[in-house]
Amino acid sequence: MRPANDTRRANRRHRAAALLAAALFATAMPSARAGEARLVPAPVVDEAANPAAATEVAVLAGGCFWGVQGVFQHVAGVTGAVSGYAGGDAATAQYETVGSGTTGHAESVKVTFDPRTISYGEILRIYFSVAHDPTELNRQGPDYGPQYRSTIFPTSDAQARVARAYIAQLDKAHAFDAAIVTTIEPGKRFYPAEAYHQDFLTLNPDYPYIVINDLPKIDALKALFNDRYRAEPVLVSAAG
């Protein structure tokens, strides 16, 4: 394992190419800039309310986990959001290995929420509206590869049913200009990412990749889901 400083340097080198691509993409195609969001319809099918359940977990992948984590850290009713990996094995759940695109993992976020305050369907609505573009196959903005795929990792049969019904609903309503490519992959474990990836958006608000790709998502969350927006994020570092 590399020392933390070496790992961070490798991480910065990896993101540098993505940053350049993001800048060129944003300049050349202003109508498709990162952070462009749309309010999609609420799910018709959602989980049944359970007053006794105080905690539920959703695992979602939608490109670089920095932005997805940052979005859900600002959602009222979310009690925790952790960046990590899902879809592959424990032995390959490391950043540089996942970056090869051959592990089956996707950069993912484990969202812990209070279902008495916000439902799983509402979590998915924010995911599809704000957190990423579900029509991009094996990429997200400047990031390419299956590790950046759009994927829902349901933690129960009920979540899987809601997710399948919602994707079908949004496709039928033509909520996007192209078909949704989000996959549903049940039965996959989540593995937390390295500490230096946690709370990255909050800790590095001036980092160019964050400015270009992820801060617009926070603005969109506030604009489209003002009743769900929380100014103070719930941080992994605060829980430790």
Protein backbone atom coordinates (compact mmCIF):
# COMPACT_ATOMS: atom_id res chain seq x y z
CA MET A 1 0.00 0.00 0.00
CA ARG A 2 1.30 3.46 -0.85
CA PRO A 3 1.80 6.05 1.87
CA ALA A 4 -1.14 8.43 2.13
CA ASN A 5 0.77 11.33 0.52
CA ASP A 6 1.78 9.18 -2.46
CA THR A 7 -1.79 7.99 -2.87
CA ARG A 8 -3.09 11.53 -2.81
CA ARG A 9 -0.54 12.55 -5.44
CA ALA A 10 -1.64 9.65 -7.64
CA ASN A 11 -5.23 10.69 -7.12
CA ARG A 12 -4.45 14.25 -8.19
CA ARG A 13 -2.67 13.03 -11.32
CA HIS A 14 -5.65 10.87 -12.20
CA ARG A 15 -8.05 13.77 -11.77
CA ALA A 16 -5.85 16.23 -13.72
CA ALA A 17 -6.71 14.65 -17.05
CA ALA A 18 -10.38 14.58 -16.10
CA LEU A 19 -10.19 18.24 -15.10
CA LEU A 20 -8.77 19.25 -18.48
CA ALA A 21 -11.44 17.24 -20.26
CA ALA A 22 -14.11 18.82 -18.08
CA ALA A 23 -12.94 22.32 -18.89
CA LEU A 24 -12.89 21.60 -22.63
CA PHE A 25 -16.28 19.89 -22.43
CA ALA A 26 -17.84 22.81 -20.58
CA THR A 27 -16.42 25.33 -23.04
CA ALA A 28 -17.33 23.44 -26.17
CA MET A 29 -20.78 22.25 -25.09
CA PRO A 30 -22.35 24.80 -22.72
CA SER A 31 -25.81 23.25 -23.10
CA ALA A 32 -24.52 20.00 -21.58
CA ARG A 33 -22.30 21.29 -18.81
CA ALA A 34 -21.83 19.24 -15.68
CA GLY A 35 -24.41 20.11 -13.10
CA GLU A 36 -27.25 20.63 -15.56
CA ALA A 37 -30.22 19.20 -13.68
CA ARG A 38 -33.90 18.63 -14.24
CA LEU A 39 -36.71 17.97 -11.81
CA VAL A 40 -38.10 14.55 -12.65
CA PRO A 41 -41.55 13.37 -11.51
CA ALA A 42 -41.93 11.86 -8.07
CA PRO A 43 -42.09 8.04 -8.02
CA VAL A 44 -45.54 6.52 -8.28
CA VAL A 45 -44.30 3.39 -6.52
CA ASP A 46 -42.49 3.90 -3.22
CA GLU A 47 -41.76 1.90 -0.10
CA ALA A 48 -44.56 1.55 2.41
CA ALA A 49 -44.09 3.76 5.45
CA ASN A 50 -42.88 1.97 8.57
CA PRO A 51 -43.08 4.19 11.69
CA ALA A 52 -40.86 1.76 13.59
CA ALA A 53 -37.95 2.01 11.13
CA ALA A 54 -35.60 4.85 12.02
CA THR A 55 -32.73 3.96 9.67
CA GLU A 56 -32.42 2.73 6.12
CA VAL A 57 -29.48 2.50 3.72
CA ALA A 58 -29.34 3.25 0.00
CA VAL A 59 -26.23 2.58 -2.11
CA LEU A 60 -25.98 4.61 -5.31
CA ALA A 61 -23.37 5.05 -8.03
CA GLY A 62 -23.36 7.99 -10.42
CA GLY A 63 -19.87 8.94 -11.50
CA CYS A 64 -17.21 10.34 -9.22
CA PHE A 65 -18.31 9.76 -5.65
CA TRP A 66 -17.16 13.22 -4.51
CA GLY A 67 -20.21 14.93 -6.02
CA VAL A 68 -22.76 12.24 -5.20
CA GLN A 69 -21.63 12.22 -1.57
CA GLY A 70 -21.69 16.02 -1.48
CA VAL A 71 -25.27 16.17 -2.75
CA PHE A 72 -26.68 13.73 -0.21
CA GLN A 73 -24.76 15.28 2.66
CA HIS A 74 -26.93 18.35 2.05
CA VAL A 75 -30.27 16.47 2.05
CA ALA A 76 -32.48 16.78 5.13
CA GLY A 77 -33.32 13.35 6.51
CA VAL A 78 -29.95 11.91 5.47
CA THR A 79 -27.91 10.99 8.55
CA GLY A 80 -24.76 9.89 6.77
CA ALA A 81 -23.16 9.63 3.33
CA VAL A 82 -19.94 7.67 2.81
CA SER A 83 -17.94 7.39 -0.41
CA GLY A 84 -16.85 3.91 -1.39
CA TYR A 85 -17.03 1.04 -3.84
CA ALA A 86 -19.70 -1.52 -4.70
CA GLY A 87 -20.10 -4.21 -7.32
CA GLY A 88 -16.83 -6.11 -6.86
CA ASP A 89 -14.91 -8.02 -4.23
CA ALA A 90 -13.28 -6.83 -1.01
CA ALA A 91 -9.81 -7.60 -2.37
CA THR A 92 -10.14 -5.00 -5.14
CA ALA A 93 -11.95 -2.26 -3.21
CA GLN A 94 -9.10 0.25 -3.41
CA TYR A 95 -9.08 3.45 -5.41
CA GLU A 96 -6.20 2.73 -7.74
CA THR A 97 -7.39 -0.84 -8.42
CA VAL A 98 -10.97 0.27 -9.05
CA GLY A 99 -9.60 2.90 -11.43
CA SER A 100 -8.48 0.14 -13.79
CA GLY A 101 -12.14 -0.42 -14.70
CA THR A 102 -11.73 -4.19 -14.42
CA THR A 103 -12.87 -4.92 -10.86
CA GLY A 104 -16.66 -4.76 -11.26
CA HIS A 105 -16.74 -1.96 -8.70
CA ALA A 106 -18.36 1.41 -9.24
CA GLU A 107 -17.54 4.50 -7.25
CA SER A 108 -20.56 4.55 -4.96
CA VAL A 109 -22.07 6.32 -1.98
CA LYS A 110 -23.72 4.67 0.99
CA VAL A 111 -26.58 6.96 2.01
CA THR A 112 -28.04 6.38 5.46
CA PHE A 113 -31.37 8.09 5.98
CA ASP A 114 -34.41 8.26 8.25
CA PRO A 115 -37.34 6.82 6.25
CA ARG A 116 -39.75 8.58 8.58
CA THR A 117 -38.40 11.87 7.22
CA ILE A 118 -37.51 11.05 3.62
CA SER A 119 -38.52 7.97 1.64
CA TYR A 120 -36.35 5.76 -0.53
CA GLY A 121 -38.30 6.97 -3.55
CA GLU A 122 -37.49 10.57 -2.67
CA ILE A 123 -33.81 9.63 -2.36
CA LEU A 124 -33.99 8.20 -5.88
CA ARG A 125 -35.74 11.31 -7.18
CA ILE A 126 -32.83 13.46 -6.00
CA TYR A 127 -30.38 10.92 -7.44
CA PHE A 128 -31.98 11.10 -10.89
CA SER A 129 -32.69 14.85 -10.83
CA VAL A 130 -29.52 16.29 -9.36
CA ALA A 131 -26.75 13.84 -8.48
CA HIS A 132 -25.88 12.60 -11.98
CA ASP A 133 -27.00 12.03 -15.57
CA PRO A 134 -28.58 8.57 -15.79
CA THR A 135 -28.41 8.50 -19.61
CA GLU A 136 -24.60 8.37 -19.78
CA LEU A 137 -23.31 4.81 -20.23
CA ASN A 138 -20.13 3.87 -18.34
CA ARG A 139 -19.16 7.49 -17.88
CA GLN A 140 -20.18 10.65 -16.13
CA GLY A 141 -19.09 14.01 -17.47
CA PRO A 142 -15.31 13.86 -17.98
CA ASP A 143 -14.88 10.49 -16.23
CA TYR A 144 -14.95 7.35 -18.37
CA GLY A 145 -15.12 3.65 -17.54
CA PRO A 146 -17.48 1.13 -15.89
CA GLN A 147 -16.29 2.33 -12.47
CA TYR A 148 -18.26 5.52 -13.20
CA ARG A 149 -21.44 3.77 -14.29
CA SER A 150 -24.93 4.71 -13.16
CA THR A 151 -26.03 1.95 -10.81
CA ILE A 152 -28.43 1.36 -7.96
CA PHE A 153 -27.36 -1.28 -5.44
CA PRO A 154 -30.63 -2.10 -3.62
CA THR A 155 -30.27 -3.28 -0.04
CA SER A 156 -33.66 -5.03 0.00
CA ASP A 157 -36.21 -6.57 -2.35
CA ALA A 158 -38.49 -3.60 -1.69
CA GLN A 159 -35.80 -1.15 -2.82
CA ALA A 160 -35.22 -3.19 -5.98
CA ARG A 161 -38.94 -3.08 -6.81
CA VAL A 162 -39.12 0.67 -6.27
CA ALA A 163 -36.02 1.28 -8.39
CA ARG A 164 -37.24 -0.86 -11.30
CA ALA A 165 -40.67 0.75 -11.25
CA TYR A 166 -39.19 4.25 -11.10
CA ILE A 167 -36.84 3.73 -14.04
CA ALA A 168 -39.74 2.35 -16.08
CA GLN A 169 -41.90 5.31 -15.05
CA LEU A 170 -39.27 7.89 -16.02
CA ASP A 171 -38.54 6.21 -19.34
CA LYS A 172 -42.25 6.01 -20.18
CA ALA A 173 -42.66 9.70 -19.34
CA HIS A 174 -39.59 10.60 -21.47
CA ALA A 175 -38.21 12.46 -18.48
CA PHE A 176 -34.81 12.55 -20.22
CA ASP A 177 -33.81 13.13 -23.82
CA ALA A 178 -32.36 9.61 -24.00
CA ALA A 179 -33.08 6.26 -22.40
CA ILE A 180 -31.99 5.69 -18.81
CA VAL A 181 -29.00 3.32 -18.66
CA THR A 182 -28.95 2.93 -14.87
CA THR A 183 -28.43 -0.68 -13.86
CA ILE A 184 -29.86 -2.36 -10.77
CA GLU A 185 -27.39 -4.70 -9.07
CA PRO A 186 -28.75 -6.39 -5.93
CA GLY A 187 -26.74 -8.42 -3.47
CA LYS A 188 -23.52 -6.39 -3.69
CA ARG A 189 -21.52 -5.30 -0.64
CA PHE A 190 -20.37 -1.74 -0.07
CA TYR A 191 -16.79 -0.97 0.93
CA PRO A 192 -15.85 2.48 2.28
CA ALA A 193 -13.26 4.41 0.30
CA GLU A 194 -10.01 5.77 1.63
CA ALA A 195 -10.20 8.53 4.23
CA TYR A 196 -8.87 11.20 1.87
CA HIS A 197 -11.93 10.76 -0.38
CA GLN A 198 -14.42 11.40 2.42
CA ASP A 199 -16.07 14.85 2.64
CA PHE A 200 -13.97 15.86 -0.37
CA LEU A 201 -16.42 18.41 -1.74
CA THR A 202 -16.81 20.19 1.59
CA LEU A 203 -13.10 20.14 2.37
CA ASN A 204 -11.99 21.22 -1.12
CA PRO A 205 -14.61 23.68 -2.44
CA ASP A 206 -12.02 25.52 -4.58
CA TYR A 207 -10.60 22.39 -6.21
CA PRO A 208 -11.21 22.96 -9.96
CA TYR A 209 -12.81 19.56 -10.55
CA ILE A 210 -15.28 20.27 -7.75
CA VAL A 211 -15.99 23.80 -8.99
CA ILE A 212 -16.73 22.64 -12.53
CA ASN A 213 -18.49 19.33 -11.95
CA ASP A 214 -19.93 19.20 -8.45
CA LEU A 215 -20.78 22.57 -6.93
CA PRO A 216 -23.45 23.08 -9.63
CA LYS A 217 -25.14 19.95 -8.26
CA ILE A 218 -25.39 21.54 -4.82
CA ASP A 219 -26.88 24.67 -6.39
CA ALA A 220 -29.38 22.51 -8.29
CA LEU A 221 -30.34 20.64 -5.12
CA LYS A 222 -31.06 23.93 -3.38
CA ALA A 223 -33.04 25.26 -6.35
CA LEU A 224 -35.07 22.14 -7.16
CA PHE A 225 -35.46 20.64 -3.68
CA ASN A 226 -35.38 23.68 -1.45
CA ASP A 227 -37.61 21.96 1.11
CA ARG A 228 -35.08 19.10 1.29
CA TYR A 229 -31.93 21.22 1.23
CA ARG A 230 -29.81 21.45 4.37
CA ALA A 231 -27.15 24.17 4.42
CA GLU A 232 -24.87 22.37 6.87
CA PRO A 233 -23.74 19.02 5.45
CA VAL A 234 -23.62 15.86 7.53
CA LEU A 235 -19.95 14.89 7.41
CA VAL A 236 -18.10 11.63 7.82
CA SER A 237 -15.40 13.42 9.82
CA ALA A 238 -18.00 14.68 12.30
CA ALA A 239 -19.20 11.10 12.92
CA GLY A 240 -15.67 9.99 13.74
